[in-house]
């Protein structure tokens, strides 16, 4: 774990505030983003999944693309 150097202060109304170096704040944001990705991955892994061959997937995509393009014209 990266060592953080928070400073704790109170504002004019008495609320507690935390001051961090910007690089430490950015580090926390990156860690939270990675944690979100991990949670989404874990959630996706729990769902039942159906796999198809890549060639079949590309055929489906192309079929839908052509159908969509012909409707616009």
Foldseek 3Di string as FASTA:
>chain_A
DDDWDWDWDADPVGDIDIDGDPVVVVVVVVVVVVVVVVVVVVVVVPDDDDDDDPVVVVVVVVVVVVVVVVVVD
